[in-house]
């Protein structure tokens, strides 16, 4: 069977399941939430006090344990309460409650959720004029608010509890800034087209992991039937994510093989599962709040080219790069090579430089307790350059070899061959990058 037929069959199955479940009563929804809480909290609890290996990134799941559980449970009330007020209340309440449940009580913890609320207010003030100075003023205000949030987290982390700083770090607050800036700079065009993405900022899932959603993801609140079907569809996404996370907890709870090559292969397949789990969970939470969002990740195992890995692995980020990097650079340069280089540099910046270098350097500068980051920054810069160059060369090599012979790789067999070959080459790149990382770590 061809991969696209498998995708369509699975999508159709989940759509039918969601439609059938939507015919149940409110008792059915409550029982579904109760079962979800039972599975997550009682039957298969995440041992968040356990020291998972750093490479597994499982702390991204365990540190946000209470936060995501509270957001998911509060989605039950979406259809009855006003959207903006409910979203704002859940955003602030879930963050404050999850912080309290890990033993943190300080007014500084409200800085981050209120940053998202203020960002929503600022975006609503934007007009539809492309040349308006208001867009620049809002951008500066968003950057300033982000710095305040980071400072507040540093204060709580150094004076109250390091657990809060760890929670703040794992929700990737810099992605909130990127998302707000994305909406800020696309808002005039969207308003001109009759779309207003500002309400998407208040979706409570953004407090856990913000992503730029397409403006047309929203559905009318009066369409109760669609809202209920979408809620069940989101719940099914969450269930799938929990199953994949369970597999990650088993596979990731061990040290990597001694051989760098075997370890890279092991990590690659592990992170295919981990990314699918994370994005299914995020998509599910968003849909449970009445937002008909496209999947944040889509069958990344079926990627049939290096570019397809990025398109499937993080579809919302891919759309943002397409809109703000690929199309403008391609129009100006008319060069595929220059455009591909710009896209890889941007992705490397938002994946490594901003979070691993910029944020760490900020904390090292403001709070001496975090230590100096000079050595780490140098190694991270070199690795980022190697990562970007490696992916750029892989994309170019694929385009001038396999892509030009695409006509000979037709039919299901040809597509499956492209998929296998793509993963083999990406694994080879991961092995090479792991060796670069080992060298930089020993310097």
Protein backbone atom coordinates (compact mmCIF):
# COMPACT_ATOMS: atom_id res chain seq x y z
CA UNK A 1 0.00 0.00 0.00
CA UNK A 2 1.27 3.49 -0.84
CA UNK A 3 2.14 5.79 2.12
CA UNK A 4 -0.46 8.37 1.10
CA UNK A 5 -3.17 5.70 1.21
CA UNK A 6 -2.10 4.75 4.74
CA UNK A 7 -2.29 8.41 5.78
CA UNK A 8 -5.76 8.87 4.32
CA UNK A 9 -7.02 5.63 5.90
CA UNK A 10 -5.77 6.56 9.37
CA UNK A 11 -7.17 10.11 9.10
CA UNK A 12 -10.55 8.75 8.00
CA UNK A 13 -10.59 6.25 10.87
CA UNK A 14 -10.02 8.97 13.48
CA UNK A 15 -12.61 11.25 11.88
CA UNK A 16 -15.21 8.49 12.01
CA UNK A 17 -14.32 7.67 15.62
CA UNK A 18 -14.63 11.32 16.64
CA UNK A 19 -17.99 11.63 14.87
CA UNK A 20 -19.36 8.52 16.60
CA UNK A 21 -18.09 9.60 20.02
CA UNK A 22 -19.61 13.07 19.55
CA UNK A 23 -23.07 11.45 19.68
CA UNK A 24 -22.51 10.49 23.32
CA UNK A 25 -23.96 12.52 26.19
CA UNK A 26 -22.14 14.94 28.49
CA UNK A 27 -21.67 12.02 30.83
CA UNK A 28 -19.60 10.39 28.11
CA UNK A 29 -17.33 13.42 27.88
CA UNK A 30 -16.88 13.48 31.64
CA UNK A 31 -16.12 9.77 31.71
CA UNK A 32 -13.57 10.25 28.90
CA UNK A 33 -11.80 12.99 30.88
CA UNK A 34 -11.94 10.89 34.03
CA UNK A 35 -10.43 7.95 32.19
CA UNK A 36 -7.71 10.20 30.78
CA UNK A 37 -6.83 11.48 34.25
CA UNK A 38 -6.85 7.91 35.55
CA UNK A 39 -4.50 6.71 32.82
CA UNK A 40 -2.10 9.62 33.19
CA UNK A 41 -2.13 10.04 36.96
CA UNK A 42 -3.02 6.66 38.45
CA UNK A 43 -2.60 3.74 36.07
CA UNK A 44 0.63 4.81 34.37
CA UNK A 45 2.03 7.75 36.36
CA UNK A 46 5.04 9.56 34.94
CA UNK A 47 7.86 9.26 37.44
CA UNK A 48 8.83 12.91 37.22
CA UNK A 49 11.23 12.59 40.16
CA UNK A 50 13.22 10.01 38.23
CA UNK A 51 16.48 11.14 36.68
CA UNK A 52 15.98 10.37 33.01
CA UNK A 53 19.06 10.60 30.78
CA UNK A 54 19.55 14.14 29.47
CA UNK A 55 19.64 12.99 25.85
CA UNK A 56 16.06 11.67 25.99
CA UNK A 57 14.53 15.13 26.61
CA UNK A 58 11.85 13.43 28.72
CA UNK A 59 11.98 16.34 31.16
CA UNK A 60 10.02 18.25 28.49
CA UNK A 61 7.14 15.89 29.33
CA UNK A 62 7.58 15.36 33.04
CA UNK A 63 8.14 19.02 33.99
CA UNK A 64 4.93 20.05 32.19
CA UNK A 65 2.97 17.19 33.73
CA UNK A 66 0.50 19.19 35.85
CA UNK A 67 0.27 22.05 33.37
CA UNK A 68 -0.95 19.93 30.47
CA UNK A 69 -3.26 17.87 32.69
CA UNK A 70 -5.02 21.01 33.97
CA UNK A 71 -5.33 22.51 30.49
CA UNK A 72 -6.84 19.32 29.12
CA UNK A 73 -9.38 19.00 31.95
CA UNK A 74 -10.51 22.65 31.68
CA UNK A 75 -11.37 22.18 28.00
CA UNK A 76 -14.62 20.51 29.06
CA UNK A 77 -16.13 23.93 29.86
CA UNK A 78 -15.24 25.51 26.52
CA UNK A 79 -18.65 25.20 24.85
CA UNK A 80 -20.54 27.02 27.64
CA UNK A 81 -18.28 29.89 28.67
CA UNK A 82 -17.22 32.95 26.65
CA UNK A 83 -14.13 32.05 24.65
CA UNK A 84 -11.81 34.95 25.53
CA UNK A 85 -12.58 34.91 29.25
CA UNK A 86 -12.29 31.13 29.52
CA UNK A 87 -9.02 31.05 27.62
CA UNK A 88 -7.51 33.84 29.71
CA UNK A 89 -8.67 32.23 32.97
CA UNK A 90 -7.32 28.80 32.02
CA UNK A 91 -4.03 30.28 30.79
CA UNK A 92 -3.37 32.10 34.07
CA UNK A 93 -5.02 29.53 36.34
CA UNK A 94 -3.30 26.47 34.88
CA UNK A 95 0.11 28.13 35.08
CA UNK A 96 -0.41 29.35 38.65
CA UNK A 97 -1.88 26.02 39.81
CA UNK A 98 0.86 23.92 38.19
CA UNK A 99 3.47 26.17 39.81
CA UNK A 100 1.77 25.80 43.20
CA UNK A 101 1.66 22.00 42.80
CA UNK A 102 5.46 21.93 42.51
CA UNK A 103 5.75 24.09 45.63
CA UNK A 104 6.24 27.55 44.09
CA UNK A 105 4.33 30.57 45.33
CA UNK A 106 5.42 34.01 44.15
CA UNK A 107 3.76 36.91 42.31
CA UNK A 108 6.61 36.74 39.78
CA UNK A 109 5.19 33.50 38.36
CA UNK A 110 2.32 35.46 36.82
CA UNK A 111 4.69 37.35 34.52
CA UNK A 112 4.63 34.71 31.78
CA UNK A 113 0.85 34.09 31.49
CA UNK A 114 0.19 37.83 31.68
CA UNK A 115 2.76 38.35 28.94
CA UNK A 116 0.60 36.23 26.65
CA UNK A 117 -2.54 38.14 27.67
CA UNK A 118 -0.85 41.51 27.07
CA UNK A 119 0.43 40.21 23.73
CA UNK A 120 -3.18 39.39 22.80
CA UNK A 121 -4.25 42.92 23.71
CA UNK A 122 -1.44 44.50 21.70
CA UNK A 123 -2.23 42.44 18.63
CA UNK A 124 -5.86 43.51 18.73
CA UNK A 125 -4.68 47.13 18.52
CA UNK A 126 -2.93 46.60 15.19
CA UNK A 127 -4.53 48.01 12.06
CA UNK A 128 -4.50 46.67 8.53
CA UNK A 129 -1.88 49.10 7.17
CA UNK A 130 1.42 47.52 6.18
CA UNK A 131 3.41 50.74 6.73
CA UNK A 132 2.01 51.54 10.16
CA UNK A 133 4.59 52.37 12.83
CA UNK A 134 2.30 50.67 15.31
CA UNK A 135 3.66 47.31 14.17
CA UNK A 136 7.21 48.30 15.12
CA UNK A 137 6.07 49.67 18.48
CA UNK A 138 4.22 46.42 19.26
CA UNK A 139 7.26 44.37 18.24
CA UNK A 140 9.52 46.33 20.60
CA UNK A 141 6.96 45.96 23.40
CA UNK A 142 6.78 42.19 22.84
CA UNK A 143 10.57 41.85 23.01
CA UNK A 144 10.65 43.97 26.18
CA UNK A 145 7.92 41.87 27.77
CA UNK A 146 9.82 38.70 26.91
CA UNK A 147 12.91 40.01 28.71
CA UNK A 148 10.76 40.81 31.75
CA UNK A 149 9.40 37.25 31.73
CA UNK A 150 12.89 35.78 31.63
CA UNK A 151 14.02 38.08 34.45
CA UNK A 152 10.99 37.07 36.54
CA UNK A 153 11.72 33.37 36.01
CA UNK A 154 15.33 33.96 37.03
CA UNK A 155 14.21 35.71 40.23
CA UNK A 156 11.91 32.83 41.20
CA UNK A 157 14.48 30.21 40.18
CA UNK A 158 17.25 31.74 42.28
CA UNK A 159 15.24 32.80 45.34
CA UNK A 160 12.25 30.45 45.61
CA UNK A 161 12.63 27.18 43.72
CA UNK A 162 14.76 25.89 40.86
CA UNK A 163 11.82 23.68 39.83
CA UNK A 164 9.96 26.73 38.56
CA UNK A 165 12.89 27.80 36.44
CA UNK A 166 13.02 24.30 35.00
CA UNK A 167 9.28 24.46 34.18
CA UNK A 168 9.72 27.85 32.55
CA UNK A 169 12.69 26.60 30.53
CA UNK A 170 10.85 23.53 29.20
CA UNK A 171 7.86 25.49 27.80
CA UNK A 172 10.29 27.35 25.50
CA UNK A 173 9.15 30.92 26.23
CA UNK A 174 11.17 32.23 23.28
CA UNK A 175 8.70 30.42 21.02
CA UNK A 176 5.97 32.59 22.55
CA UNK A 177 7.93 35.63 21.41
CA UNK A 178 8.43 34.16 17.92
CA UNK A 179 4.72 33.31 17.69
CA UNK A 180 3.63 36.78 18.82
CA UNK A 181 6.01 38.44 16.36
CA UNK A 182 4.71 36.14 13.62
CA UNK A 183 1.15 37.28 14.25
CA UNK A 184 2.31 40.88 14.59
CA UNK A 185 3.92 40.96 11.17
CA UNK A 186 1.24 38.91 9.42
CA UNK A 187 -1.70 40.65 11.10
CA UNK A 188 -2.18 43.49 8.57
CA UNK A 189 -2.33 41.10 5.62
CA UNK A 190 -4.65 38.72 7.47
CA UNK A 191 -6.98 41.50 8.57
CA UNK A 192 -7.10 42.77 5.02
CA UNK A 193 -8.18 39.28 3.93
CA UNK A 194 -10.88 39.20 6.61
CA UNK A 195 -9.02 36.96 9.10
CA UNK A 196 -8.02 37.91 12.63
CA UNK A 197 -5.55 35.55 14.31
CA UNK A 198 -5.41 37.49 17.60
CA UNK A 199 -7.84 35.12 19.42
CA UNK A 200 -5.52 32.21 18.63
CA UNK A 201 -2.97 33.73 21.01
CA UNK A 202 -5.28 33.01 23.95
CA UNK A 203 -5.63 29.28 23.26
CA UNK A 204 -4.46 27.79 26.60
CA UNK A 205 -2.19 25.26 24.87
CA UNK A 206 0.10 28.21 24.04
CA UNK A 207 1.15 28.43 27.67
CA UNK A 208 2.59 24.91 27.34
CA UNK A 209 4.10 25.13 23.86
CA UNK A 210 3.28 28.13 21.64
CA UNK A 211 3.09 27.66 17.87
CA UNK A 212 1.91 29.98 15.08
CA UNK A 213 -1.47 28.61 14.00
CA UNK A 214 -3.09 29.43 10.64
CA UNK A 215 -5.67 32.19 11.08
CA UNK A 216 -8.39 30.13 9.39
CA UNK A 217 -8.09 27.44 12.09
CA UNK A 218 -10.94 28.99 14.09
CA UNK A 219 -14.53 27.80 13.90
CA UNK A 220 -17.65 29.65 14.95
CA UNK A 221 -18.54 29.17 18.61
CA UNK A 222 -22.20 28.81 17.67
CA UNK A 223 -21.51 25.62 15.73
CA UNK A 224 -21.83 23.34 18.75
CA UNK A 225 -21.83 20.14 16.72
CA UNK A 226 -18.45 20.92 15.13
CA UNK A 227 -17.02 21.96 18.49
CA UNK A 228 -17.97 18.64 20.10
CA UNK A 229 -16.64 16.58 17.18
CA UNK A 230 -13.42 18.58 17.29
CA UNK A 231 -13.15 18.08 21.06
CA UNK A 232 -13.31 14.30 20.63
CA UNK A 233 -10.83 14.48 17.76
CA UNK A 234 -8.44 16.36 20.01
CA UNK A 235 -8.94 13.85 22.81
CA UNK A 236 -8.05 11.03 20.40
CA UNK A 237 -4.86 12.94 19.50
CA UNK A 238 -4.00 13.13 23.20
CA UNK A 239 -4.61 9.39 23.64
CA UNK A 240 -2.30 8.62 20.71
CA UNK A 241 0.30 10.96 22.19
CA UNK A 242 0.12 9.21 25.56
CA UNK A 243 0.72 5.86 23.88
CA UNK A 244 3.74 7.22 22.03
CA UNK A 245 5.05 8.90 25.20
CA UNK A 246 4.75 5.58 27.04
CA UNK A 247 6.97 4.05 24.39
CA UNK A 248 9.40 6.96 24.78
CA UNK A 249 9.51 6.42 28.55
CA UNK A 250 10.54 2.82 27.97
CA UNK A 251 13.03 3.46 25.18
CA UNK A 252 14.47 6.68 26.60
CA UNK A 253 15.02 5.43 30.15
CA UNK A 254 18.48 4.06 29.40
CA UNK A 255 21.90 5.29 28.45
CA UNK A 256 22.90 5.49 24.81
CA UNK A 257 25.03 2.75 23.22
CA UNK A 258 28.76 3.28 23.50
CA UNK A 259 29.29 3.50 19.74
CA UNK A 260 28.56 7.06 18.49
CA UNK A 261 27.16 5.71 15.22
CA UNK A 262 24.76 3.25 16.85
CA UNK A 263 23.80 5.91 19.40
CA UNK A 264 22.93 8.36 16.60
CA UNK A 265 20.72 5.76 14.90
CA UNK A 266 19.06 4.97 18.24
CA UNK A 267 18.42 8.66 18.91
CA UNK A 268 17.08 9.31 15.43
CA UNK A 269 14.31 6.72 15.62
CA UNK A 270 13.60 7.67 19.24
CA UNK A 271 13.07 11.32 18.30
CA UNK A 272 10.78 10.38 15.41
CA UNK A 273 8.51 8.87 18.06
CA UNK A 274 9.08 11.71 20.53
CA UNK A 275 8.27 14.45 17.99
CA UNK A 276 5.13 12.63 16.87
CA UNK A 277 4.03 12.26 20.49
CA UNK A 278 4.71 15.91 21.38
CA UNK A 279 2.98 17.32 18.32
CA UNK A 280 -0.03 15.00 18.68
CA UNK A 281 -0.40 16.15 22.27
CA UNK A 282 -0.17 19.81 21.29
CA UNK A 283 -2.60 19.41 18.38
CA UNK A 284 -5.01 17.57 20.66
CA UNK A 285 -5.03 20.30 23.31
CA UNK A 286 -5.58 22.98 20.67
CA UNK A 287 -8.49 21.11 19.10
CA UNK A 288 -10.11 20.54 22.48
CA UNK A 289 -10.50 24.33 22.72
CA UNK A 290 -12.47 24.66 19.50
CA UNK A 291 -9.61 25.45 17.13
CA UNK A 292 -9.61 23.33 13.98
CA UNK A 293 -5.83 23.39 13.73
CA UNK A 294 -3.95 21.29 11.18
CA UNK A 295 -1.63 18.65 12.68
CA UNK A 296 1.54 20.14 14.15
CA UNK A 297 3.37 17.04 12.89
CA UNK A 298 2.22 14.71 10.14
CA UNK A 299 3.54 11.18 9.60
CA UNK A 300 7.18 12.22 9.75
CA UNK A 301 8.20 8.56 9.28
CA UNK A 302 6.82 8.83 5.72
CA UNK A 303 9.10 11.75 4.79
CA UNK A 304 10.48 11.11 1.29
CA UNK A 305 13.13 13.86 1.17
CA UNK A 306 15.22 15.94 3.62
CA UNK A 307 12.91 18.93 3.12
CA UNK A 308 9.92 16.68 3.71
CA UNK A 309 11.35 15.79 7.12
CA UNK A 310 11.01 19.45 8.15
CA UNK A 311 7.65 19.90 6.45
CA UNK A 312 6.16 16.91 8.24
CA UNK A 313 8.05 17.20 11.52
CA UNK A 314 6.94 20.76 12.39
CA UNK A 315 4.27 21.82 9.92
CA UNK A 316 3.40 25.12 11.63
CA UNK A 317 7.04 26.22 11.81
CA UNK A 318 7.44 25.10 8.20
CA UNK A 319 4.53 27.33 7.15
CA UNK A 320 6.03 30.28 9.01
CA UNK A 321 9.42 29.76 7.33
CA UNK A 322 7.69 29.45 3.97
CA UNK A 323 5.83 32.74 4.47
CA UNK A 324 8.57 34.88 6.01
CA UNK A 325 11.79 33.40 4.64
CA UNK A 326 11.38 31.16 1.59
CA UNK A 327 8.96 33.27 -0.48
CA UNK A 328 10.57 36.71 0.18
CA UNK A 329 14.14 35.44 -0.35
CA UNK A 330 13.17 33.49 -3.47
CA UNK A 331 11.48 36.55 -4.96
CA UNK A 332 14.54 38.72 -4.40
CA UNK A 333 17.36 36.27 -5.14
CA UNK A 334 15.75 33.94 -7.73
CA UNK A 335 18.25 31.39 -6.43
CA UNK A 336 17.28 28.03 -4.94
CA UNK A 337 20.68 27.76 -3.25
CA UNK A 338 20.44 31.18 -1.56
CA UNK A 339 16.85 30.48 -0.50
CA UNK A 340 17.69 27.05 0.94
CA UNK A 341 20.63 28.56 2.84
CA UNK A 342 18.40 31.30 4.30
CA UNK A 343 15.81 28.73 5.43
CA UNK A 344 18.42 26.48 7.07
CA UNK A 345 20.01 29.46 8.84
CA UNK A 346 16.63 30.62 10.16
CA UNK A 347 15.71 27.13 11.40
CA UNK A 348 19.12 26.74 13.05
CA UNK A 349 18.67 30.12 14.71
CA UNK A 350 15.28 29.33 16.23
CA UNK A 351 16.29 25.77 17.20
CA UNK A 352 19.73 26.37 18.67
CA UNK A 353 20.93 29.95 18.79
CA UNK A 354 17.90 31.61 20.35
CA UNK A 355 17.18 29.03 23.02
CA UNK A 356 20.54 27.43 23.72
CA UNK A 357 22.74 30.50 23.26
CA UNK A 358 20.68 33.67 23.57
CA UNK A 359 18.59 32.63 26.57
CA UNK A 360 21.50 30.97 28.39
CA UNK A 361 23.73 33.99 27.81
CA UNK A 362 21.02 36.30 29.18
CA UNK A 363 20.74 34.34 32.41
CA UNK A 364 24.51 34.08 32.81
CA UNK A 365 24.78 37.84 32.41
CA UNK A 366 21.91 38.82 34.73
CA UNK A 367 22.29 36.07 37.35
CA UNK A 368 25.89 35.10 38.19
CA UNK A 369 24.51 32.05 40.03
CA UNK A 370 23.96 30.38 36.66
CA UNK A 371 27.69 30.52 35.93
CA UNK A 372 29.51 31.64 32.81
CA UNK A 373 28.30 30.52 29.43
CA UNK A 374 31.29 31.63 27.34
CA UNK A 375 32.62 28.11 26.71
CA UNK A 376 29.17 26.70 26.06
CA UNK A 377 28.26 29.55 23.70
CA UNK A 378 31.37 28.96 21.60
CA UNK A 379 30.70 25.22 21.31
CA UNK A 380 27.00 25.81 20.57
CA UNK A 381 27.83 28.32 17.83
CA UNK A 382 30.20 25.88 16.16
CA UNK A 383 27.67 23.05 16.40
CA UNK A 384 24.91 25.29 15.02
CA UNK A 385 27.12 26.15 12.04
CA UNK A 386 27.88 22.44 11.47
CA UNK A 387 24.18 21.57 11.77
CA UNK A 388 23.12 24.23 9.26
CA UNK A 389 25.90 23.38 6.81
CA UNK A 390 25.22 19.64 7.07
CA UNK A 391 21.51 19.99 6.34
CA UNK A 392 22.15 22.48 3.54
CA UNK A 393 24.58 20.11 1.81
CA UNK A 394 22.14 17.21 2.28
CA UNK A 395 19.27 19.19 0.73
CA UNK A 396 21.43 20.28 -2.22
CA UNK A 397 22.79 16.77 -2.79
CA UNK A 398 19.26 15.34 -2.75
CA UNK A 399 18.00 17.96 -5.20
CA UNK A 400 20.78 17.39 -7.77
CA UNK A 401 20.66 13.58 -7.53
CA UNK A 402 17.50 11.86 -6.32
CA UNK A 403 15.06 14.66 -7.15
CA UNK A 404 16.24 14.84 -10.75
CA UNK A 405 15.57 11.11 -11.10
CA UNK A 406 12.20 11.30 -9.42
CA UNK A 407 10.49 10.20 -12.62
CA UNK A 408 12.10 6.77 -12.38
CA UNK A 409 10.93 6.29 -8.77
CA UNK A 410 7.20 6.06 -9.38
CA UNK A 411 4.52 3.85 -7.89
CA UNK A 412 4.35 2.57 -4.28
CA UNK A 413 7.71 0.77 -4.57
CA UNK A 414 9.44 3.92 -5.79
CA UNK A 415 7.92 6.05 -3.01
CA UNK A 416 8.93 3.55 -0.32
CA UNK A 417 12.45 3.46 -1.77
CA UNK A 418 12.68 7.25 -1.52
CA UNK A 419 11.48 7.12 2.08
CA UNK A 420 14.05 4.49 3.09
CA UNK A 421 16.86 6.27 1.25
CA UNK A 422 15.92 9.59 2.84
CA UNK A 423 16.06 8.17 6.38
CA UNK A 424 19.38 6.45 5.66
CA UNK A 425 20.93 9.74 4.52
CA UNK A 426 19.48 11.69 7.47
CA UNK A 427 20.87 9.05 9.85
CA UNK A 428 24.28 9.40 8.17
CA UNK A 429 24.08 13.15 8.78
CA UNK A 430 23.12 12.57 12.42
CA UNK A 431 26.13 10.26 12.84
CA UNK A 432 28.42 12.93 11.40
CA UNK A 433 26.90 15.63 13.63
CA UNK A 434 27.25 13.40 16.70
CA UNK A 435 30.96 13.11 15.99
CA UNK A 436 31.19 16.89 15.65
CA UNK A 437 29.41 17.22 18.99
CA UNK A 438 31.84 14.79 20.62
CA UNK A 439 34.82 16.77 19.33
CA UNK A 440 33.37 20.08 20.51
CA UNK A 441 32.56 18.58 23.91
CA UNK A 442 36.18 17.54 24.40
CA UNK A 443 37.62 20.96 23.53
